[in-house]
Amino acid sequence: LTEPAGATVKVLVLTTFDLDEYVY
């Protein structure tokens, strides 16, 4: 969603834990 040139959509990640490798 974010890589294409001109992409404007913002992504907010949902997670269960604040220290999560997947979040990084």
PDBML (XML) file of the C-alpha atoms, coordinates in Angstrom:
<?xml version="1.0" encoding="UTF-8" ?>
<PDBx:datablock datablockName="MODEL"
   xmlns:PDBx="http://pdbml.pdb.org/schema/pdbx-v50.xsd"
   xmlns:xsi="http://www.w3.org/2001/XMLSchema-instance"
   xsi:schemaLocation="http://pdbml.pdb.org/schema/pdbx-v50.xsd pdbx-v50.xsd">
   <PDBx:atom_siteCategory>
      <PDBx:atom_site id="1">
         <PDBx:B_iso_or_equiv>0.00</PDBx:B_iso_or_equiv>
         <PDBx:Cartn_x>0.000</PDBx:Cartn_x>
         <PDBx:Cartn_y>0.000</PDBx:Cartn_y>
         <PDBx:Cartn_z>0.000</PDBx:Cartn_z>
         <PDBx:auth_asym_id>A</PDBx:auth_asym_id>
         <PDBx:auth_atom_id>CA</PDBx:auth_atom_id>
         <PDBx:auth_comp_id>LEU</PDBx:auth_comp_id>
         <PDBx:auth_seq_id>1</PDBx:auth_seq_id>
         <PDBx:group_PDB>ATOM</PDBx:group_PDB>
         <PDBx:label_alt_id xsi:nil="true" />
         <PDBx:label_asym_id>A</PDBx:label_asym_id>
         <PDBx:label_atom_id>CA</PDBx:label_atom_id>
         <PDBx:label_comp_id>LEU</PDBx:label_comp_id>
         <PDBx:label_entity_id>1</PDBx:label_entity_id>
         <PDBx:label_seq_id>1</PDBx:label_seq_id>
         <PDBx:occupancy>1.00</PDBx:occupancy>
         <PDBx:pdbx_PDB_model_num>1</PDBx:pdbx_PDB_model_num>
         <PDBx:type_symbol>C</PDBx:type_symbol>
      </PDBx:atom_site>
      <PDBx:atom_site id="2">
         <PDBx:B_iso_or_equiv>0.00</PDBx:B_iso_or_equiv>
         <PDBx:Cartn_x>2.796</PDBx:Cartn_x>
         <PDBx:Cartn_y>2.448</PDBx:Cartn_y>
         <PDBx:Cartn_z>0.825</PDBx:Cartn_z>
         <PDBx:auth_asym_id>A</PDBx:auth_asym_id>
         <PDBx:auth_atom_id>CA</PDBx:auth_atom_id>
         <PDBx:auth_comp_id>THR</PDBx:auth_comp_id>
         <PDBx:auth_seq_id>2</PDBx:auth_seq_id>
         <PDBx:group_PDB>ATOM</PDBx:group_PDB>
         <PDBx:label_alt_id xsi:nil="true" />
         <PDBx:label_asym_id>A</PDBx:label_asym_id>
         <PDBx:label_atom_id>CA</PDBx:label_atom_id>
         <PDBx:label_comp_id>THR</PDBx:label_comp_id>
         <PDBx:label_entity_id>1</PDBx:label_entity_id>
         <PDBx:label_seq_id>2</PDBx:label_seq_id>
         <PDBx:occupancy>1.00</PDBx:occupancy>
         <PDBx:pdbx_PDB_model_num>1</PDBx:pdbx_PDB_model_num>
         <PDBx:type_symbol>C</PDBx:type_symbol>
      </PDBx:atom_site>
      <PDBx:atom_site id="3">
         <PDBx:B_iso_or_equiv>0.00</PDBx:B_iso_or_equiv>
         <PDBx:Cartn_x>5.589</PDBx:Cartn_x>
         <PDBx:Cartn_y>1.643</PDBx:Cartn_y>
         <PDBx:Cartn_z>-1.662</PDBx:Cartn_z>
         <PDBx:auth_asym_id>A</PDBx:auth_asym_id>
         <PDBx:auth_atom_id>CA</PDBx:auth_atom_id>
         <PDBx:auth_comp_id>GLU</PDBx:auth_comp_id>
         <PDBx:auth_seq_id>3</PDBx:auth_seq_id>
         <PDBx:group_PDB>ATOM</PDBx:group_PDB>
         <PDBx:label_alt_id xsi:nil="true" />
         <PDBx:label_asym_id>A</PDBx:label_asym_id>
         <PDBx:label_atom_id>CA</PDBx:label_atom_id>
         <PDBx:label_comp_id>GLU</PDBx:label_comp_id>
         <PDBx:label_entity_id>1</PDBx:label_entity_id>
         <PDBx:label_seq_id>3</PDBx:label_seq_id>
         <PDBx:occupancy>1.00</PDBx:occupancy>
         <PDBx:pdbx_PDB_model_num>1</PDBx:pdbx_PDB_model_num>
         <PDBx:type_symbol>C</PDBx:type_symbol>
      </PDBx:atom_site>
      <PDBx:atom_site id="4">
         <PDBx:B_iso_or_equiv>0.00</PDBx:B_iso_or_equiv>
         <PDBx:Cartn_x>3.994</PDBx:Cartn_x>
         <PDBx:Cartn_y>2.756</PDBx:Cartn_y>
         <PDBx:Cartn_z>-4.949</PDBx:Cartn_z>
         <PDBx:auth_asym_id>A</PDBx:auth_asym_id>
         <PDBx:auth_atom_id>CA</PDBx:auth_atom_id>
         <PDBx:auth_comp_id>PRO</PDBx:auth_comp_id>
         <PDBx:auth_seq_id>4</PDBx:auth_seq_id>
         <PDBx:group_PDB>ATOM</PDBx:group_PDB>
         <PDBx:label_alt_id xsi:nil="true" />
         <PDBx:label_asym_id>A</PDBx:label_asym_id>
         <PDBx:label_atom_id>CA</PDBx:label_atom_id>
         <PDBx:label_comp_id>PRO</PDBx:label_comp_id>
         <PDBx:label_entity_id>1</PDBx:label_entity_id>
         <PDBx:label_seq_id>4</PDBx:label_seq_id>
         <PDBx:occupancy>1.00</PDBx:occupancy>
         <PDBx:pdbx_PDB_model_num>1</PDBx:pdbx_PDB_model_num>
         <PDBx:type_symbol>C</PDBx:type_symbol>
      </PDBx:atom_site>
      <PDBx:atom_site id="5">
         <PDBx:B_iso_or_equiv>0.00</PDBx:B_iso_or_equiv>
         <PDBx:Cartn_x>5.017</PDBx:Cartn_x>
         <PDBx:Cartn_y>6.242</PDBx:Cartn_y>
         <PDBx:Cartn_z>-6.058</PDBx:Cartn_z>
         <PDBx:auth_asym_id>A</PDBx:auth_asym_id>
         <PDBx:auth_atom_id>CA</PDBx:auth_atom_id>
         <PDBx:auth_comp_id>ALA</PDBx:auth_comp_id>
         <PDBx:auth_seq_id>5</PDBx:auth_seq_id>
         <PDBx:group_PDB>ATOM</PDBx:group_PDB>
         <PDBx:label_alt_id xsi:nil="true" />
         <PDBx:label_asym_id>A</PDBx:label_asym_id>
         <PDBx:label_atom_id>CA</PDBx:label_atom_id>
         <PDBx:label_comp_id>ALA</PDBx:label_comp_id>
         <PDBx:label_entity_id>1</PDBx:label_entity_id>
         <PDBx:label_seq_id>5</PDBx:label_seq_id>
         <PDBx:occupancy>1.00</PDBx:occupancy>
         <PDBx:pdbx_PDB_model_num>1</PDBx:pdbx_PDB_model_num>
         <PDBx:type_symbol>C</PDBx:type_symbol>
      </PDBx:atom_site>
      <PDBx:atom_site id="6">
         <PDBx:B_iso_or_equiv>0.00</PDBx:B_iso_or_equiv>
         <PDBx:Cartn_x>2.348</PDBx:Cartn_x>
         <PDBx:Cartn_y>8.731</PDBx:Cartn_y>
         <PDBx:Cartn_z>-5.118</PDBx:Cartn_z>
         <PDBx:auth_asym_id>A</PDBx:auth_asym_id>
         <PDBx:auth_atom_id>CA</PDBx:auth_atom_id>
         <PDBx:auth_comp_id>GLY</PDBx:auth_comp_id>
         <PDBx:auth_seq_id>6</PDBx:auth_seq_id>
         <PDBx:group_PDB>ATOM</PDBx:group_PDB>
         <PDBx:label_alt_id xsi:nil="true" />
         <PDBx:label_asym_id>A</PDBx:label_asym_id>
         <PDBx:label_atom_id>CA</PDBx:label_atom_id>
         <PDBx:label_comp_id>GLY</PDBx:label_comp_id>
         <PDBx:label_entity_id>1</PDBx:label_entity_id>
         <PDBx:label_seq_id>6</PDBx:label_seq_id>
         <PDBx:occupancy>1.00</PDBx:occupancy>
         <PDBx:pdbx_PDB_model_num>1</PDBx:pdbx_PDB_model_num>
         <PDBx:type_symbol>C</PDBx:type_symbol>
      </PDBx:atom_site>
      <PDBx:atom_site id="7">
         <PDBx:B_iso_or_equiv>0.00</PDBx:B_iso_or_equiv>
         <PDBx:Cartn_x>0.728</PDBx:Cartn_x>
         <PDBx:Cartn_y>6.500</PDBx:Cartn_y>
         <PDBx:Cartn_z>-2.499</PDBx:Cartn_z>
         <PDBx:auth_asym_id>A</PDBx:auth_asym_id>
         <PDBx:auth_atom_id>CA</PDBx:auth_atom_id>
         <PDBx:auth_comp_id>ALA</PDBx:auth_comp_id>
         <PDBx:auth_seq_id>7</PDBx:auth_seq_id>
         <PDBx:group_PDB>ATOM</PDBx:group_PDB>
         <PDBx:label_alt_id xsi:nil="true" />
         <PDBx:label_asym_id>A</PDBx:label_asym_id>
         <PDBx:label_atom_id>CA</PDBx:label_atom_id>
         <PDBx:label_comp_id>ALA</PDBx:label_comp_id>
         <PDBx:label_entity_id>1</PDBx:label_entity_id>
         <PDBx:label_seq_id>7</PDBx:label_seq_id>
         <PDBx:occupancy>1.00</PDBx:occupancy>
         <PDBx:pdbx_PDB_model_num>1</PDBx:pdbx_PDB_model_num>
         <PDBx:type_symbol>C</PDBx:type_symbol>
      </PDBx:atom_site>
      <PDBx:atom_site id="8">
         <PDBx:B_iso_or_equiv>0.00</PDBx:B_iso_or_equiv>
         <PDBx:Cartn_x>-1.091</PDBx:Cartn_x>
         <PDBx:Cartn_y>8.664</PDBx:Cartn_y>
         <PDBx:Cartn_z>0.024</PDBx:Cartn_z>
         <PDBx:auth_asym_id>A</PDBx:auth_asym_id>
         <PDBx:auth_atom_id>CA</PDBx:auth_atom_id>
         <PDBx:auth_comp_id>THR</PDBx:auth_comp_id>
         <PDBx:auth_seq_id>8</PDBx:auth_seq_id>
         <PDBx:group_PDB>ATOM</PDBx:group_PDB>
         <PDBx:label_alt_id xsi:nil="true" />
         <PDBx:label_asym_id>A</PDBx:label_asym_id>
         <PDBx:label_atom_id>CA</PDBx:label_atom_id>
         <PDBx:label_comp_id>THR</PDBx:label_comp_id>
         <PDBx:label_entity_id>1</PDBx:label_entity_id>
         <PDBx:label_seq_id>8</PDBx:label_seq_id>
         <PDBx:occupancy>1.00</PDBx:occupancy>
         <PDBx:pdbx_PDB_model_num>1</PDBx:pdbx_PDB_model_num>
         <PDBx:type_symbol>C</PDBx:type_symbol>
      </PDBx:atom_site>
      <PDBx:atom_site id="9">
         <PDBx:B_iso_or_equiv>0.00</PDBx:B_iso_or_equiv>
         <PDBx:Cartn_x>-2.867</PDBx:Cartn_x>
         <PDBx:Cartn_y>6.153</PDBx:Cartn_y>
         <PDBx:Cartn_z>2.255</PDBx:Cartn_z>
         <PDBx:auth_asym_id>A</PDBx:auth_asym_id>
         <PDBx:auth_atom_id>CA</PDBx:auth_atom_id>
         <PDBx:auth_comp_id>VAL</PDBx:auth_comp_id>
         <PDBx:auth_seq_id>9</PDBx:auth_seq_id>
         <PDBx:group_PDB>ATOM</PDBx:group_PDB>
         <PDBx:label_alt_id xsi:nil="true" />
         <PDBx:label_asym_id>A</PDBx:label_asym_id>
         <PDBx:label_atom_id>CA</PDBx:label_atom_id>
         <PDBx:label_comp_id>VAL</PDBx:label_comp_id>
         <PDBx:label_entity_id>1</PDBx:label_entity_id>
         <PDBx:label_seq_id>9</PDBx:label_seq_id>
         <PDBx:occupancy>1.00</PDBx:occupancy>
         <PDBx:pdbx_PDB_model_num>1</PDBx:pdbx_PDB_model_num>
         <PDBx:type_symbol>C</PDBx:type_symbol>
      </PDBx:atom_site>
      <PDBx:atom_site id="10">
         <PDBx:B_iso_or_equiv>0.00</PDBx:B_iso_or_equiv>
         <PDBx:Cartn_x>-1.563</PDBx:Cartn_x>
         <PDBx:Cartn_y>5.985</PDBx:Cartn_y>
         <PDBx:Cartn_z>5.832</PDBx:Cartn_z>
         <PDBx:auth_asym_id>A</PDBx:auth_asym_id>
         <PDBx:auth_atom_id>CA</PDBx:auth_atom_id>
         <PDBx:auth_comp_id>LYS</PDBx:auth_comp_id>
         <PDBx:auth_seq_id>10</PDBx:auth_seq_id>
         <PDBx:group_PDB>ATOM</PDBx:group_PDB>
         <PDBx:label_alt_id xsi:nil="true" />
         <PDBx:label_asym_id>A</PDBx:label_asym_id>
         <PDBx:label_atom_id>CA</PDBx:label_atom_id>
         <PDBx:label_comp_id>LYS</PDBx:label_comp_id>
         <PDBx:label_entity_id>1</PDBx:label_entity_id>
         <PDBx:label_seq_id>10</PDBx:label_seq_id>
         <PDBx:occupancy>1.00</PDBx:occupancy>
         <PDBx:pdbx_PDB_model_num>1</PDBx:pdbx_PDB_model_num>
         <PDBx:type_symbol>C</PDBx:type_symbol>
      </PDBx:atom_site>
      <PDBx:atom_site id="11">
         <PDBx:B_iso_or_equiv>0.00</PDBx:B_iso_or_equiv>
         <PDBx:Cartn_x>-1.276</PDBx:Cartn_x>
         <PDBx:Cartn_y>2.691</PDBx:Cartn_y>
         <PDBx:Cartn_z>7.685</PDBx:Cartn_z>
         <PDBx:auth_asym_id>A</PDBx:auth_asym_id>
         <PDBx:auth_atom_id>CA</PDBx:auth_atom_id>
         <PDBx:auth_comp_id>VAL</PDBx:auth_comp_id>
         <PDBx:auth_seq_id>11</PDBx:auth_seq_id>
         <PDBx:group_PDB>ATOM</PDBx:group_PDB>
         <PDBx:label_alt_id xsi:nil="true" />
         <PDBx:label_asym_id>A</PDBx:label_asym_id>
         <PDBx:label_atom_id>CA</PDBx:label_atom_id>
         <PDBx:label_comp_id>VAL</PDBx:label_comp_id>
         <PDBx:label_entity_id>1</PDBx:label_entity_id>
         <PDBx:label_seq_id>11</PDBx:label_seq_id>
         <PDBx:occupancy>1.00</PDBx:occupancy>
         <PDBx:pdbx_PDB_model_num>1</PDBx:pdbx_PDB_model_num>
         <PDBx:type_symbol>C</PDBx:type_symbol>
      </PDBx:atom_site>
      <PDBx:atom_site id="12">
         <PDBx:B_iso_or_equiv>0.00</PDBx:B_iso_or_equiv>
         <PDBx:Cartn_x>-1.789</PDBx:Cartn_x>
         <PDBx:Cartn_y>2.379</PDBx:Cartn_y>
         <PDBx:Cartn_z>11.417</PDBx:Cartn_z>
         <PDBx:auth_asym_id>A</PDBx:auth_asym_id>
         <PDBx:auth_atom_id>CA</PDBx:auth_atom_id>
         <PDBx:auth_comp_id>LEU</PDBx:auth_comp_id>
         <PDBx:auth_seq_id>12</PDBx:auth_seq_id>
         <PDBx:group_PDB>ATOM</PDBx:group_PDB>
         <PDBx:label_alt_id xsi:nil="true" />
         <PDBx:label_asym_id>A</PDBx:label_asym_id>
         <PDBx:label_atom_id>CA</PDBx:label_atom_id>
         <PDBx:label_comp_id>LEU</PDBx:label_comp_id>
         <PDBx:label_entity_id>1</PDBx:label_entity_id>
         <PDBx:label_seq_id>12</PDBx:label_seq_id>
         <PDBx:occupancy>1.00</PDBx:occupancy>
         <PDBx:pdbx_PDB_model_num>1</PDBx:pdbx_PDB_model_num>
         <PDBx:type_symbol>C</PDBx:type_symbol>
      </PDBx:atom_site>
      <PDBx:atom_site id="13">
         <PDBx:B_iso_or_equiv>0.00</PDBx:B_iso_or_equiv>
         <PDBx:Cartn_x>-0.741</PDBx:Cartn_x>
         <PDBx:Cartn_y>-1.044</PDBx:Cartn_y>
         <PDBx:Cartn_z>12.690</PDBx:Cartn_z>
         <PDBx:auth_asym_id>A</PDBx:auth_asym_id>
         <PDBx:auth_atom_id>CA</PDBx:auth_atom_id>
         <PDBx:auth_comp_id>VAL</PDBx:auth_comp_id>
         <PDBx:auth_seq_id>13</PDBx:auth_seq_id>
         <PDBx:group_PDB>ATOM</PDBx:group_PDB>
         <PDBx:label_alt_id xsi:nil="true" />
         <PDBx:label_asym_id>A</PDBx:label_asym_id>
         <PDBx:label_atom_id>CA</PDBx:label_atom_id>
         <PDBx:label_comp_id>VAL</PDBx:label_comp_id>
         <PDBx:label_entity_id>1</PDBx:label_entity_id>
         <PDBx:label_seq_id>13</PDBx:label_seq_id>
         <PDBx:occupancy>1.00</PDBx:occupancy>
         <PDBx:pdbx_PDB_model_num>1</PDBx:pdbx_PDB_model_num>
         <PDBx:type_symbol>C</PDBx:type_symbol>
      </PDBx:atom_site>
      <PDBx:atom_site id="14">
         <PDBx:B_iso_or_equiv>0.00</PDBx:B_iso_or_equiv>
         <PDBx:Cartn_x>-2.869</PDBx:Cartn_x>
         <PDBx:Cartn_y>-2.826</PDBx:Cartn_y>
         <PDBx:Cartn_z>15.276</PDBx:Cartn_z>
         <PDBx:auth_asym_id>A</PDBx:auth_asym_id>
         <PDBx:auth_atom_id>CA</PDBx:auth_atom_id>
         <PDBx:auth_comp_id>LEU</PDBx:auth_comp_id>
         <PDBx:auth_seq_id>14</PDBx:auth_seq_id>
         <PDBx:group_PDB>ATOM</PDBx:group_PDB>
         <PDBx:label_alt_id xsi:nil="true" />
         <PDBx:label_asym_id>A</PDBx:label_asym_id>
         <PDBx:label_atom_id>CA</PDBx:label_atom_id>
         <PDBx:label_comp_id>LEU</PDBx:label_comp_id>
         <PDBx:label_entity_id>1</PDBx:label_entity_id>
         <PDBx:label_seq_id>14</PDBx:label_seq_id>
         <PDBx:occupancy>1.00</PDBx:occupancy>
         <PDBx:pdbx_PDB_model_num>1</PDBx:pdbx_PDB_model_num>
         <PDBx:type_symbol>C</PDBx:type_symbol>
      </PDBx:atom_site>
      <PDBx:atom_site id="15">
         <PDBx:B_iso_or_equiv>0.00</PDBx:B_iso_or_equiv>
         <PDBx:Cartn_x>-1.081</PDBx:Cartn_x>
         <PDBx:Cartn_y>-5.072</PDBx:Cartn_y>
         <PDBx:Cartn_z>17.754</PDBx:Cartn_z>
         <PDBx:auth_asym_id>A</PDBx:auth_asym_id>
         <PDBx:auth_atom_id>CA</PDBx:auth_atom_id>
         <PDBx:auth_comp_id>THR</PDBx:auth_comp_id>
         <PDBx:auth_seq_id>15</PDBx:auth_seq_id>
         <PDBx:group_PDB>ATOM</PDBx:group_PDB>
         <PDBx:label_alt_id xsi:nil="true" />
         <PDBx:label_asym_id>A</PDBx:label_asym_id>
         <PDBx:label_atom_id>CA</PDBx:label_atom_id>
         <PDBx:label_comp_id>THR</PDBx:label_comp_id>
         <PDBx:label_entity_id>1</PDBx:label_entity_id>
         <PDBx:label_seq_id>15</PDBx:label_seq_id>
         <PDBx:occupancy>1.00</PDBx:occupancy>
         <PDBx:pdbx_PDB_model_num>1</PDBx:pdbx_PDB_model_num>
         <PDBx:type_symbol>C</PDBx:type_symbol>
      </PDBx:atom_site>
      <PDBx:atom_site id="16">
         <PDBx:B_iso_or_equiv>0.00</PDBx:B_iso_or_equiv>
         <PDBx:Cartn_x>-1.634</PDBx:Cartn_x>
         <PDBx:Cartn_y>-6.823</PDBx:Cartn_y>
         <PDBx:Cartn_z>21.060</PDBx:Cartn_z>
         <PDBx:auth_asym_id>A</PDBx:auth_asym_id>
         <PDBx:auth_atom_id>CA</PDBx:auth_atom_id>
         <PDBx:auth_comp_id>THR</PDBx:auth_comp_id>
         <PDBx:auth_seq_id>16</PDBx:auth_seq_id>
         <PDBx:group_PDB>ATOM</PDBx:group_PDB>
         <PDBx:label_alt_id xsi:nil="true" />
         <PDBx:label_asym_id>A</PDBx:label_asym_id>
         <PDBx:label_atom_id>CA</PDBx:label_atom_id>
         <PDBx:label_comp_id>THR</PDBx:label_comp_id>
         <PDBx:label_entity_id>1</PDBx:label_entity_id>
         <PDBx:label_seq_id>16</PDBx:label_seq_id>
         <PDBx:occupancy>1.00</PDBx:occupancy>
         <PDBx:pdbx_PDB_model_num>1</PDBx:pdbx_PDB_model_num>
         <PDBx:type_symbol>C</PDBx:type_symbol>
      </PDBx:atom_site>
      <PDBx:atom_site id="17">
         <PDBx:B_iso_or_equiv>0.00</PDBx:B_iso_or_equiv>
         <PDBx:Cartn_x>1.791</PDBx:Cartn_x>
         <PDBx:Cartn_y>-6.085</PDBx:Cartn_y>
         <PDBx:Cartn_z>22.505</PDBx:Cartn_z>
         <PDBx:auth_asym_id>A</PDBx:auth_asym_id>
         <PDBx:auth_atom_id>CA</PDBx:auth_atom_id>
         <PDBx:auth_comp_id>PHE</PDBx:auth_comp_id>
         <PDBx:auth_seq_id>17</PDBx:auth_seq_id>
         <PDBx:group_PDB>ATOM</PDBx:group_PDB>
         <PDBx:label_alt_id xsi:nil="true" />
         <PDBx:label_asym_id>A</PDBx:label_asym_id>
         <PDBx:label_atom_id>CA</PDBx:label_atom_id>
         <PDBx:label_comp_id>PHE</PDBx:label_comp_id>
         <PDBx:label_entity_id>1</PDBx:label_entity_id>
         <PDBx:label_seq_id>17</PDBx:label_seq_id>
         <PDBx:occupancy>1.00</PDBx:occupancy>
         <PDBx:pdbx_PDB_model_num>1</PDBx:pdbx_PDB_model_num>
         <PDBx:type_symbol>C</PDBx:type_symbol>
      </PDBx:atom_site>
      <PDBx:atom_site id="18">
         <PDBx:B_iso_or_equiv>0.00</PDBx:B_iso_or_equiv>
         <PDBx:Cartn_x>3.847</PDBx:Cartn_x>
         <PDBx:Cartn_y>-2.888</PDBx:Cartn_y>
         <PDBx:Cartn_z>22.325</PDBx:Cartn_z>
         <PDBx:auth_asym_id>A</PDBx:auth_asym_id>
         <PDBx:auth_atom_id>CA</PDBx:auth_atom_id>
         <PDBx:auth_comp_id>ASP</PDBx:auth_comp_id>
         <PDBx:auth_seq_id>18</PDBx:auth_seq_id>
         <PDBx:group_PDB>ATOM</PDBx:group_PDB>
         <PDBx:label_alt_id xsi:nil="true" />
         <PDBx:label_asym_id>A</PDBx:label_asym_id>
         <PDBx:label_atom_id>CA</PDBx:label_atom_id>
         <PDBx:label_comp_id>ASP</PDBx:label_comp_id>
         <PDBx:label_entity_id>1</PDBx:label_entity_id>
         <PDBx:label_seq_id>18</PDBx:label_seq_id>
         <PDBx:occupancy>1.00</PDBx:occupancy>
         <PDBx:pdbx_PDB_model_num>1</PDBx:pdbx_PDB_model_num>
         <PDBx:type_symbol>C</PDBx:type_symbol>
      </PDBx:atom_site>
      <PDBx:atom_site id="19">
         <PDBx:B_iso_or_equiv>0.00</PDBx:B_iso_or_equiv>
         <PDBx:Cartn_x>7.123</PDBx:Cartn_x>
         <PDBx:Cartn_y>-4.807</PDBx:Cartn_y>
         <PDBx:Cartn_z>21.988</PDBx:Cartn_z>
         <PDBx:auth_asym_id>A</PDBx:auth_asym_id>
         <PDBx:auth_atom_id>CA</PDBx:auth_atom_id>
         <PDBx:auth_comp_id>LEU</PDBx:auth_comp_id>
         <PDBx:auth_seq_id>19</PDBx:auth_seq_id>
         <PDBx:group_PDB>ATOM</PDBx:group_PDB>
         <PDBx:label_alt_id xsi:nil="true" />
         <PDBx:label_asym_id>A</PDBx:label_asym_id>
         <PDBx:label_atom_id>CA</PDBx:label_atom_id>
         <PDBx:label_comp_id>LEU</PDBx:label_comp_id>
         <PDBx:label_entity_id>1</PDBx:label_entity_id>
         <PDBx:label_seq_id>19</PDBx:label_seq_id>
         <PDBx:occupancy>1.00</PDBx:occupancy>
         <PDBx:pdbx_PDB_model_num>1</PDBx:pdbx_PDB_model_num>
         <PDBx:type_symbol>C</PDBx:type_symbol>
      </PDBx:atom_site>
      <PDBx:atom_site id="20">
         <PDBx:B_iso_or_equiv>0.00</PDBx:B_iso_or_equiv>
         <PDBx:Cartn_x>6.478</PDBx:Cartn_x>
         <PDBx:Cartn_y>-6.898</PDBx:Cartn_y>
         <PDBx:Cartn_z>18.945</PDBx:Cartn_z>
         <PDBx:auth_asym_id>A</PDBx:auth_asym_id>
         <PDBx:auth_atom_id>CA</PDBx:auth_atom_id>
         <PDBx:auth_comp_id>ASP</PDBx:auth_comp_id>
         <PDBx:auth_seq_id>20</PDBx:auth_seq_id>
         <PDBx:group_PDB>ATOM</PDBx:group_PDB>
         <PDBx:label_alt_id xsi:nil="true" />
         <PDBx:label_asym_id>A</PDBx:label_asym_id>
         <PDBx:label_atom_id>CA</PDBx:label_atom_id>
         <PDBx:label_comp_id>ASP</PDBx:label_comp_id>
         <PDBx:label_entity_id>1</PDBx:label_entity_id>
         <PDBx:label_seq_id>20</PDBx:label_seq_id>
         <PDBx:occupancy>1.00</PDBx:occupancy>
         <PDBx:pdbx_PDB_model_num>1</PDBx:pdbx_PDB_model_num>
         <PDBx:type_symbol>C</PDBx:type_symbol>
      </PDBx:atom_site>
      <PDBx:atom_site id="21">
         <PDBx:B_iso_or_equiv>0.00</PDBx:B_iso_or_equiv>
         <PDBx:Cartn_x>9.052</PDBx:Cartn_x>
         <PDBx:Cartn_y>-7.731</PDBx:Cartn_y>
         <PDBx:Cartn_z>16.270</PDBx:Cartn_z>
         <PDBx:auth_asym_id>A</PDBx:auth_asym_id>
         <PDBx:auth_atom_id>CA</PDBx:auth_atom_id>
         <PDBx:auth_comp_id>GLU</PDBx:auth_comp_id>
         <PDBx:auth_seq_id>21</PDBx:auth_seq_id>
         <PDBx:group_PDB>ATOM</PDBx:group_PDB>
         <PDBx:label_alt_id xsi:nil="true" />
         <PDBx:label_asym_id>A</PDBx:label_asym_id>
         <PDBx:label_atom_id>CA</PDBx:label_atom_id>
         <PDBx:label_comp_id>GLU</PDBx:label_comp_id>
         <PDBx:label_entity_id>1</PDBx:label_entity_id>
         <PDBx:label_seq_id>21</PDBx:label_seq_id>
         <PDBx:occupancy>1.00</PDBx:occupancy>
         <PDBx:pdbx_PDB_model_num>1</PDBx:pdbx_PDB_model_num>
         <PDBx:type_symbol>C</PDBx:type_symbol>
      </PDBx:atom_site>
      <PDBx:atom_site id="22">
         <PDBx:B_iso_or_equiv>0.00</PDBx:B_iso_or_equiv>
         <PDBx:Cartn_x>6.331</PDBx:Cartn_x>
         <PDBx:Cartn_y>-7.708</PDBx:Cartn_y>
         <PDBx:Cartn_z>13.660</PDBx:Cartn_z>
         <PDBx:auth_asym_id>A</PDBx:auth_asym_id>
         <PDBx:auth_atom_id>CA</PDBx:auth_atom_id>
         <PDBx:auth_comp_id>TYR</PDBx:auth_comp_id>
         <PDBx:auth_seq_id>22</PDBx:auth_seq_id>
         <PDBx:group_PDB>ATOM</PDBx:group_PDB>
         <PDBx:label_alt_id xsi:nil="true" />
         <PDBx:label_asym_id>A</PDBx:label_asym_id>
         <PDBx:label_atom_id>CA</PDBx:label_atom_id>
         <PDBx:label_comp_id>TYR</PDBx:label_comp_id>
         <PDBx:label_entity_id>1</PDBx:label_entity_id>
         <PDBx:label_seq_id>22</PDBx:label_seq_id>
         <PDBx:occupancy>1.00</PDBx:occupancy>
         <PDBx:pdbx_PDB_model_num>1</PDBx:pdbx_PDB_model_num>
         <PDBx:type_symbol>C</PDBx:type_symbol>
      </PDBx:atom_site>
      <PDBx:atom_site id="23">
         <PDBx:B_iso_or_equiv>0.00</PDBx:B_iso_or_equiv>
         <PDBx:Cartn_x>5.476</PDBx:Cartn_x>
         <PDBx:Cartn_y>-4.122</PDBx:Cartn_y>
         <PDBx:Cartn_z>14.550</PDBx:Cartn_z>
         <PDBx:auth_asym_id>A</PDBx:auth_asym_id>
         <PDBx:auth_atom_id>CA</PDBx:auth_atom_id>
         <PDBx:auth_comp_id>VAL</PDBx:auth_comp_id>
         <PDBx:auth_seq_id>23</PDBx:auth_seq_id>
         <PDBx:group_PDB>ATOM</PDBx:group_PDB>
         <PDBx:label_alt_id xsi:nil="true" />
         <PDBx:label_asym_id>A</PDBx:label_asym_id>
         <PDBx:label_atom_id>CA</PDBx:label_atom_id>
         <PDBx:label_comp_id>VAL</PDBx:label_comp_id>
         <PDBx:label_entity_id>1</PDBx:label_entity_id>
         <PDBx:label_seq_id>23</PDBx:label_seq_id>
         <PDBx:occupancy>1.00</PDBx:occupancy>
         <PDBx:pdbx_PDB_model_num>1</PDBx:pdbx_PDB_model_num>
         <PDBx:type_symbol>C</PDBx:type_symbol>
      </PDBx:atom_site>
      <PDBx:atom_site id="24">
         <PDBx:B_iso_or_equiv>0.00</PDBx:B_iso_or_equiv>
         <PDBx:Cartn_x>9.049</PDBx:Cartn_x>
         <PDBx:Cartn_y>-3.064</PDBx:Cartn_y>
         <PDBx:Cartn_z>13.879</PDBx:Cartn_z>
         <PDBx:auth_asym_id>A</PDBx:auth_asym_id>
         <PDBx:auth_atom_id>CA</PDBx:auth_atom_id>
         <PDBx:auth_comp_id>TYR</PDBx:auth_comp_id>
         <PDBx:auth_seq_id>24</PDBx:auth_seq_id>
         <PDBx:group_PDB>ATOM</PDBx:group_PDB>
         <PDBx:label_alt_id xsi:nil="true" />
         <PDBx:label_asym_id>A</PDBx:label_asym_id>
         <PDBx:label_atom_id>CA</PDBx:label_atom_id>
         <PDBx:label_comp_id>TYR</PDBx:label_comp_id>
         <PDBx:label_entity_id>1</PDBx:label_entity_id>
         <PDBx:label_seq_id>24</PDBx:label_seq_id>
         <PDBx:occupancy>1.00</PDBx:occupancy>
         <PDBx:pdbx_PDB_model_num>1</PDBx:pdbx_PDB_model_num>
         <PDBx:type_symbol>C</PDBx:type_symbol>
      </PDBx:atom_site>
   </PDBx:atom_siteCategory>
</PDBx:datablock>
